[in-house]
Amino acid sequence: MVQPSPPREAVQDMLLEAHGLTKHFRVGGFLRRGALHAADDVDLTIAPREIVALVGESGSGKSTVARLLARVYQPTSGSIDLAGRTASSIPLREYRRQVQMVFQDPYSSLNPVFRASHGLLRALKLHHPRQSTTKRREMAAGLLEEVGLTPGDEMLRKYPYELSGGQRQRFGFAQALACRPKLILADEPVSMLDVSIRIGVLNLMQELRVREGVSFLYITHDIASARYIADRLLVMYAGRVVEQGPTEDVLQFPKHPYTQLLLSAVPDPYDLDEPVSSDSGEPPRVIDPGEGCRFRWRCPVAQPVCSQQTPPLRRLRPAHLAACHVAQADS
């Protein structure tokens, strides 16, 4: 089971804070141009040794947020602070040493021409240039054993085609650990793995949090895995965070209709005869969406105000916020 994170009052400084994070992409041609709102006004905090899950369907903006935090994309507006320093003031190599990323597809993250250890050894050479080649190979073997790939010396010699999907993903985690980061952005790290080995990768993340003190932003569309591993949950829809709070609070007492829709799609093994509720509304509008709730086209309880004003995140329960005009706070 997941180990509890430090009590919030015991955390003096946040590891990462994002305020008003926004990313728009220009779309269209000469006669008509618009802006795709991939992320709008996202506020996000991650404490030391905390696992935060960012949940939502495909196209909701989760990976865009991860790439903004990794400084792959430059934000249209907003700010990122890392350990009390403005991200833009930190040299990129130093920032990347503290914030690493593990990608979704383990089959394309390794170059099939080289041994699987090629990227890991390059990362060690980049971040530990004064170490000898022999020493770096010893460090690489140690990293592989840390992520459960044993014996490390033997795994260094393998090519990607000799590895399973789970082993390739563990290579990705070893490569991320090469510079001993404070935060790992894990973008759908188990979505392309067999169900039987997903739990092993999730447990690895938990072990790294406890043993190495690494924080995680876990990006997923799978609520079940988020519940298993995350301390806090942020739900995204059409580029906006629509609900956030402690994982159990959000899943036990969902306030936003979109969160309720996501939960209704999770099969209940104790009531398989009950039909799964679904929506028949329009897909989200993210190109020049204008004011209003972006879920209103699919929302069963939408009101006129939902098309006129963008709902702000407001507190409905202790530490539990939702961006909904209709949702009621607990008395």
Protein backbone atom coordinates (compact mmCIF):
# COMPACT_ATOMS: atom_id res chain seq x y z
CA MET A 1 0.00 0.00 0.00
CA VAL A 2 1.00 3.59 -0.55
CA GLN A 3 2.90 5.23 2.27
CA PRO A 4 1.38 8.46 3.58
CA SER A 5 3.05 11.70 2.58
CA PRO A 6 4.30 14.08 5.27
CA PRO A 7 1.50 16.02 6.97
CA ARG A 8 0.81 19.21 5.06
CA GLU A 9 1.56 21.36 8.10
CA ALA A 10 4.96 19.69 8.42
CA VAL A 11 5.98 20.72 4.90
CA GLN A 12 7.64 24.11 5.17
CA ASP A 13 8.51 24.63 1.51
CA MET A 14 6.94 23.31 -1.63
CA LEU A 15 9.29 21.63 -4.07
CA LEU A 16 7.46 22.97 -7.11
CA GLU A 17 4.81 25.64 -7.53
CA ALA A 18 3.13 26.62 -10.79
CA HIS A 19 0.90 29.67 -10.91
CA GLY A 20 -1.44 30.57 -13.77
CA LEU A 21 0.37 28.22 -16.13
CA THR A 22 -1.01 28.78 -19.64
CA LYS A 23 -0.05 27.45 -23.07
CA HIS A 24 -1.77 28.44 -26.33
CA PHE A 25 -0.79 27.14 -29.76
CA ARG A 26 -1.51 29.14 -32.90
CA VAL A 27 -3.64 27.22 -35.40
CA GLY A 28 -5.25 27.97 -38.75
CA GLY A 29 -4.06 29.46 -41.99
CA PHE A 30 -3.76 32.82 -43.71
CA LEU A 31 -7.46 33.69 -43.75
CA ARG A 32 -8.42 32.44 -40.34
CA ARG A 33 -6.21 32.00 -37.33
CA GLY A 34 -7.03 30.95 -33.82
CA ALA A 35 -5.48 29.72 -30.60
CA LEU A 36 -5.70 26.21 -29.24
CA HIS A 37 -5.96 26.51 -25.47
CA ALA A 38 -3.94 23.46 -24.39
CA ALA A 39 -3.59 24.67 -20.80
CA ASP A 40 -5.27 27.62 -19.12
CA ASP A 41 -4.53 29.14 -15.73
CA VAL A 42 -3.22 25.93 -14.12
CA ASP A 43 -2.14 26.19 -10.49
CA LEU A 44 -0.20 23.21 -9.18
CA THR A 45 1.98 22.46 -6.17
CA ILE A 46 4.12 19.42 -5.34
CA ALA A 47 5.66 18.93 -1.92
CA PRO A 48 8.87 16.99 -1.18
CA ARG A 49 8.26 13.23 -1.27
CA GLU A 50 4.73 13.74 -2.59
CA ILE A 51 3.01 11.94 -5.46
CA VAL A 52 0.45 14.10 -7.25
CA ALA A 53 -1.73 12.56 -9.97
CA LEU A 54 -2.97 14.58 -12.93
CA VAL A 55 -6.01 12.78 -14.34
CA GLY A 56 -8.13 13.36 -17.43
CA GLU A 57 -9.09 11.98 -20.81
CA SER A 58 -6.87 12.22 -23.89
CA GLY A 59 -6.54 15.81 -25.07
CA SER A 60 -7.28 17.34 -21.68
CA GLY A 61 -3.86 19.03 -21.48
CA LYS A 62 -2.05 16.72 -19.04
CA SER A 63 1.02 16.14 -21.20
CA THR A 64 1.17 19.83 -22.09
CA VAL A 65 1.42 20.66 -18.38
CA ALA A 66 4.20 18.09 -17.98
CA ARG A 67 6.16 19.57 -20.88
CA LEU A 68 5.73 23.04 -19.47
CA LEU A 69 7.08 21.86 -16.12
CA ALA A 70 9.97 20.13 -17.91
CA ARG A 71 10.67 23.36 -19.83
CA VAL A 72 10.20 21.62 -23.15
CA TYR A 73 7.52 24.22 -23.91
CA GLN A 74 7.71 27.88 -23.00
CA PRO A 75 4.49 29.01 -21.30
CA THR A 76 2.29 31.62 -22.91
CA SER A 77 1.91 33.04 -19.42
CA GLY A 78 2.31 31.96 -15.83
CA SER A 79 5.29 31.06 -13.67
CA ILE A 80 7.08 28.02 -12.28
CA ASP A 81 9.09 28.03 -9.05
CA LEU A 82 11.42 25.17 -8.15
CA ALA A 83 12.58 24.95 -4.54
CA GLY A 84 11.92 28.65 -4.06
CA ARG A 85 13.66 29.78 -7.27
CA THR A 86 11.99 31.03 -10.42
CA ALA A 87 12.48 28.35 -13.07
CA SER A 88 13.46 30.83 -15.76
CA SER A 89 16.37 31.98 -13.59
CA ILE A 90 17.81 28.45 -13.33
CA PRO A 91 20.17 27.32 -16.14
CA LEU A 92 18.42 24.67 -18.21
CA ARG A 93 20.96 21.92 -17.48
CA GLU A 94 20.73 22.56 -13.74
CA TYR A 95 16.93 22.58 -13.94
CA ARG A 96 16.85 19.32 -15.91
CA ARG A 97 19.17 17.80 -13.33
CA GLN A 98 16.45 18.35 -10.73
CA VAL A 99 13.38 17.70 -12.89
CA GLN A 100 13.42 14.59 -15.05
CA MET A 101 10.78 12.97 -17.23
CA VAL A 102 9.72 9.38 -17.91
CA PHE A 103 7.76 8.97 -21.12
CA GLN A 104 4.73 6.92 -22.05
CA ASP A 105 6.05 4.58 -24.73
CA PRO A 106 8.84 2.30 -23.48
CA TYR A 107 9.25 0.86 -26.99
CA SER A 108 10.24 4.16 -28.61
CA SER A 109 12.21 5.59 -25.69
CA LEU A 110 15.23 3.37 -26.43
CA ASN A 111 17.24 3.49 -29.64
CA PRO A 112 17.15 -0.04 -31.16
CA VAL A 113 20.54 0.50 -32.82
CA PHE A 114 22.38 0.76 -29.49
CA ARG A 115 22.38 -1.27 -26.32
CA ALA A 116 19.61 -0.34 -23.90
CA SER A 117 22.21 1.21 -21.59
CA HIS A 118 23.32 3.75 -24.23
CA GLY A 119 21.06 6.56 -23.00
CA LEU A 120 21.80 5.82 -19.36
CA LEU A 121 25.56 5.96 -19.90
CA ARG A 122 25.22 9.20 -21.89
CA ALA A 123 23.23 10.75 -19.05
CA LEU A 124 25.92 9.75 -16.56
CA LYS A 125 28.64 11.15 -18.83
CA LEU A 126 26.75 14.44 -19.10
CA HIS A 127 26.13 14.84 -15.38
CA HIS A 128 29.30 13.14 -14.08
CA PRO A 129 31.97 14.12 -16.64
CA ARG A 130 34.86 13.70 -14.20
CA GLN A 131 34.16 10.03 -13.55
CA SER A 132 36.03 7.40 -15.53
CA THR A 133 34.26 5.18 -18.05
CA THR A 134 34.65 2.20 -15.70
CA LYS A 135 33.20 4.11 -12.79
CA ARG A 136 30.24 5.27 -14.87
CA ARG A 137 29.49 1.67 -15.88
CA GLU A 138 29.53 0.70 -12.22
CA MET A 139 27.16 3.56 -11.46
CA ALA A 140 24.88 2.49 -14.33
CA ALA A 141 24.78 -1.10 -13.09
CA GLY A 142 23.91 0.17 -9.62
CA LEU A 143 21.07 2.32 -10.98
CA LEU A 144 19.64 -0.63 -12.89
CA GLU A 145 19.63 -2.73 -9.74
CA GLU A 146 17.94 0.13 -7.86
CA VAL A 147 15.01 -0.08 -10.27
CA GLY A 148 14.80 -3.86 -10.10
CA LEU A 149 16.86 -4.87 -13.14
CA THR A 150 19.30 -7.49 -11.91
CA PRO A 151 22.05 -8.37 -12.34
CA GLY A 152 22.97 -4.85 -13.40
CA ASP A 153 26.15 -5.82 -15.26
CA GLU A 154 24.25 -8.26 -17.43
CA MET A 155 21.41 -5.82 -18.14
CA LEU A 156 23.94 -3.25 -19.39
CA ARG A 157 24.81 -5.56 -22.27
CA LYS A 158 21.27 -6.17 -23.49
CA TYR A 159 19.68 -4.60 -26.57
CA PRO A 160 16.15 -3.16 -26.44
CA TYR A 161 14.66 -6.10 -28.38
CA GLU A 162 15.82 -8.42 -25.58
CA LEU A 163 13.77 -6.57 -22.97
CA SER A 164 10.10 -6.71 -22.06
CA GLY A 165 7.97 -3.57 -21.94
CA GLY A 166 8.25 -3.41 -18.18
CA GLN A 167 12.03 -3.75 -18.30
CA ARG A 168 12.27 -0.99 -20.89
CA GLN A 169 10.20 1.31 -18.71
CA ARG A 170 12.48 0.55 -15.75
CA PHE A 171 15.41 1.60 -17.94
CA GLY A 172 13.56 4.89 -18.36
CA PHE A 173 13.35 5.32 -14.60
CA ALA A 174 17.04 4.43 -14.21
CA GLN A 175 17.96 7.05 -16.80
CA ALA A 176 15.84 9.64 -14.95
CA LEU A 177 17.62 8.74 -11.70
CA ALA A 178 21.08 9.20 -13.22
CA CYS A 179 21.28 12.80 -12.02
CA ARG A 180 19.44 12.18 -8.72
CA PRO A 181 16.49 14.50 -9.45
CA LYS A 182 14.10 15.95 -6.90
CA LEU A 183 11.06 15.53 -9.17
CA ILE A 184 10.13 13.02 -11.86
CA LEU A 185 7.34 13.80 -14.32
CA ALA A 186 5.90 10.39 -15.20
CA ASP A 187 3.74 10.78 -18.31
CA GLU A 188 1.44 7.73 -18.57
CA PRO A 189 4.30 5.39 -17.58
CA VAL A 190 2.12 2.26 -17.33
CA SER A 191 -0.54 2.82 -20.01
CA MET A 192 1.29 0.73 -22.64
CA LEU A 193 2.25 -2.09 -20.30
CA ASP A 194 0.43 -5.34 -19.64
CA VAL A 195 -1.92 -5.19 -16.68
CA SER A 196 0.10 -7.88 -14.94
CA ILE A 197 3.25 -5.73 -14.76
CA ARG A 198 1.72 -2.29 -14.19
CA ILE A 199 1.62 -2.77 -10.44
CA GLY A 200 5.38 -3.45 -10.41
CA VAL A 201 6.12 -0.07 -12.02
CA LEU A 202 3.71 1.71 -9.65
CA ASN A 203 5.39 0.04 -6.68
CA LEU A 204 8.77 1.13 -8.06
CA MET A 205 7.60 4.75 -8.02
CA GLN A 206 6.51 4.33 -4.43
CA GLU A 207 9.85 2.77 -3.48
CA LEU A 208 11.78 5.63 -5.11
CA ARG A 209 9.67 8.15 -3.22
CA VAL A 210 10.49 6.48 0.09
CA ARG A 211 14.10 5.50 -0.58
CA GLU A 212 15.36 8.37 -2.73
CA GLY A 213 13.03 11.14 -1.55
CA VAL A 214 11.82 11.77 -5.11
CA SER A 215 8.52 13.53 -5.75
CA PHE A 216 6.33 12.53 -8.70
CA LEU A 217 3.79 14.12 -10.97
CA TYR A 218 1.94 11.03 -12.18
CA ILE A 219 -0.02 11.70 -15.38
CA THR A 220 -2.71 9.17 -16.19
CA HIS A 221 -6.23 8.60 -17.45
CA ASP A 222 -6.56 5.59 -15.13
CA ILE A 223 -8.29 6.60 -11.91
CA ALA A 224 -7.66 3.19 -10.31
CA SER A 225 -3.86 3.54 -10.55
CA ALA A 226 -4.05 7.15 -9.36
CA ARG A 227 -5.99 6.02 -6.32
CA TYR A 228 -3.42 3.34 -5.59
CA ILE A 229 -0.39 5.60 -5.60
CA ALA A 230 -1.24 9.31 -5.34
CA ASP A 231 -1.52 11.53 -2.28
CA ARG A 232 -3.42 14.24 -4.15
CA LEU A 233 -5.47 14.27 -7.32
CA LEU A 234 -5.98 16.99 -9.94
CA VAL A 235 -8.64 16.43 -12.59
CA MET A 236 -8.18 18.23 -15.93
CA TYR A 237 -10.71 18.86 -18.67
CA ALA A 238 -10.12 20.81 -21.89
CA GLY A 239 -7.02 22.55 -20.55
CA ARG A 240 -8.36 23.50 -17.13
CA VAL A 241 -8.12 21.94 -13.68
CA VAL A 242 -11.76 21.31 -12.71
CA GLU A 243 -11.26 19.56 -9.38
CA GLN A 244 -8.45 18.87 -6.94
CA GLY A 245 -7.85 17.62 -3.44
CA PRO A 246 -6.69 14.60 -1.43
CA THR A 247 -7.16 11.51 -3.55
CA GLU A 248 -9.68 9.75 -1.34
CA ASP A 249 -11.71 12.94 -0.87
CA VAL A 250 -11.99 13.55 -4.60
CA LEU A 251 -12.89 9.94 -5.40
CA GLN A 252 -15.25 9.39 -2.48
CA PHE A 253 -16.99 12.77 -2.76
CA PRO A 254 -16.60 13.97 -6.38
CA LYS A 255 -18.03 17.44 -6.82
CA HIS A 256 -17.52 18.25 -10.49
CA PRO A 257 -19.82 16.51 -13.02
CA TYR A 258 -16.80 15.58 -15.13
CA THR A 259 -15.14 13.78 -12.23
CA GLN A 260 -18.41 11.98 -11.61
CA LEU A 261 -18.50 10.97 -15.28
CA LEU A 262 -14.97 9.59 -15.09
CA LEU A 263 -15.84 7.56 -12.03
CA SER A 264 -19.02 6.21 -13.62
CA ALA A 265 -16.89 4.70 -16.40
CA VAL A 266 -14.94 2.57 -13.91
CA PRO A 267 -16.57 -0.90 -13.76
CA ASP A 268 -17.94 -1.97 -10.40
CA PRO A 269 -17.05 -5.67 -9.91
CA TYR A 270 -19.89 -6.01 -7.40
CA ASP A 271 -22.59 -4.68 -9.72
CA LEU A 272 -21.77 -5.70 -13.27
CA ASP A 273 -25.42 -5.66 -14.36
CA GLU A 274 -25.79 -1.93 -13.77
CA PRO A 275 -25.34 0.00 -17.05
CA VAL A 276 -22.49 2.45 -17.15
CA SER A 277 -23.76 6.02 -17.50
CA SER A 278 -22.43 7.96 -20.44
CA ASP A 279 -22.74 11.42 -21.90
CA SER A 280 -23.94 12.22 -25.38
CA GLY A 281 -22.72 15.80 -25.56
CA GLU A 282 -20.19 17.46 -27.82
CA PRO A 283 -16.41 17.09 -27.52
CA PRO A 284 -14.62 19.89 -25.69
CA ARG A 285 -14.03 23.14 -27.57
CA VAL A 286 -10.45 24.26 -27.03
CA ILE A 287 -9.88 26.53 -30.05
CA ASP A 288 -10.82 30.04 -28.95
CA PRO A 289 -13.27 28.62 -26.39
CA GLY A 290 -14.31 31.96 -24.92
CA GLU A 291 -15.93 32.38 -21.53
CA GLY A 292 -17.95 29.73 -19.74
CA CYS A 293 -17.46 26.23 -18.41
CA ARG A 294 -15.89 24.04 -21.09
CA PHE A 295 -17.77 21.01 -19.83
CA ARG A 296 -21.19 22.61 -20.28
CA TRP A 297 -21.76 20.92 -23.66
CA ARG A 298 -21.71 17.53 -21.93
CA CYS A 299 -22.90 18.45 -18.45
CA PRO A 300 -26.29 17.03 -17.34
CA VAL A 301 -26.83 19.85 -14.81
CA ALA A 302 -25.61 22.86 -16.81
CA GLN A 303 -27.26 26.21 -16.06
CA PRO A 304 -27.37 29.45 -18.10
CA VAL A 305 -24.56 30.90 -15.98
CA CYS A 306 -22.31 28.04 -17.13
CA SER A 307 -22.18 29.50 -20.66
CA GLN A 308 -21.57 33.04 -19.45
CA GLN A 309 -18.91 32.80 -16.76
CA THR A 310 -15.86 30.59 -16.35
CA PRO A 311 -16.22 28.97 -12.93
CA PRO A 312 -13.23 29.50 -10.61
CA LEU A 313 -11.85 26.79 -8.37
CA ARG A 314 -13.56 27.19 -5.01
CA ARG A 315 -13.30 25.29 -1.77
CA LEU A 316 -16.18 22.87 -1.21
CA ARG A 317 -14.62 20.68 1.46
CA PRO A 318 -11.41 21.08 3.49
CA ALA A 319 -8.53 21.00 0.93
CA HIS A 320 -11.04 19.96 -1.78
CA LEU A 321 -11.74 22.43 -4.61
CA ALA A 322 -13.91 22.28 -7.72
CA ALA A 323 -14.56 24.66 -10.62
CA CYS A 324 -18.32 24.35 -10.95
CA HIS A 325 -21.18 26.83 -10.61
CA VAL A 326 -23.60 24.06 -9.60
CA ALA A 327 -21.52 22.00 -7.13
CA GLN A 328 -22.52 22.50 -3.51
CA ALA A 329 -20.17 22.86 -0.57
CA ASP A 330 -20.55 20.46 2.33
CA SER A 331 -22.29 22.06 5.27
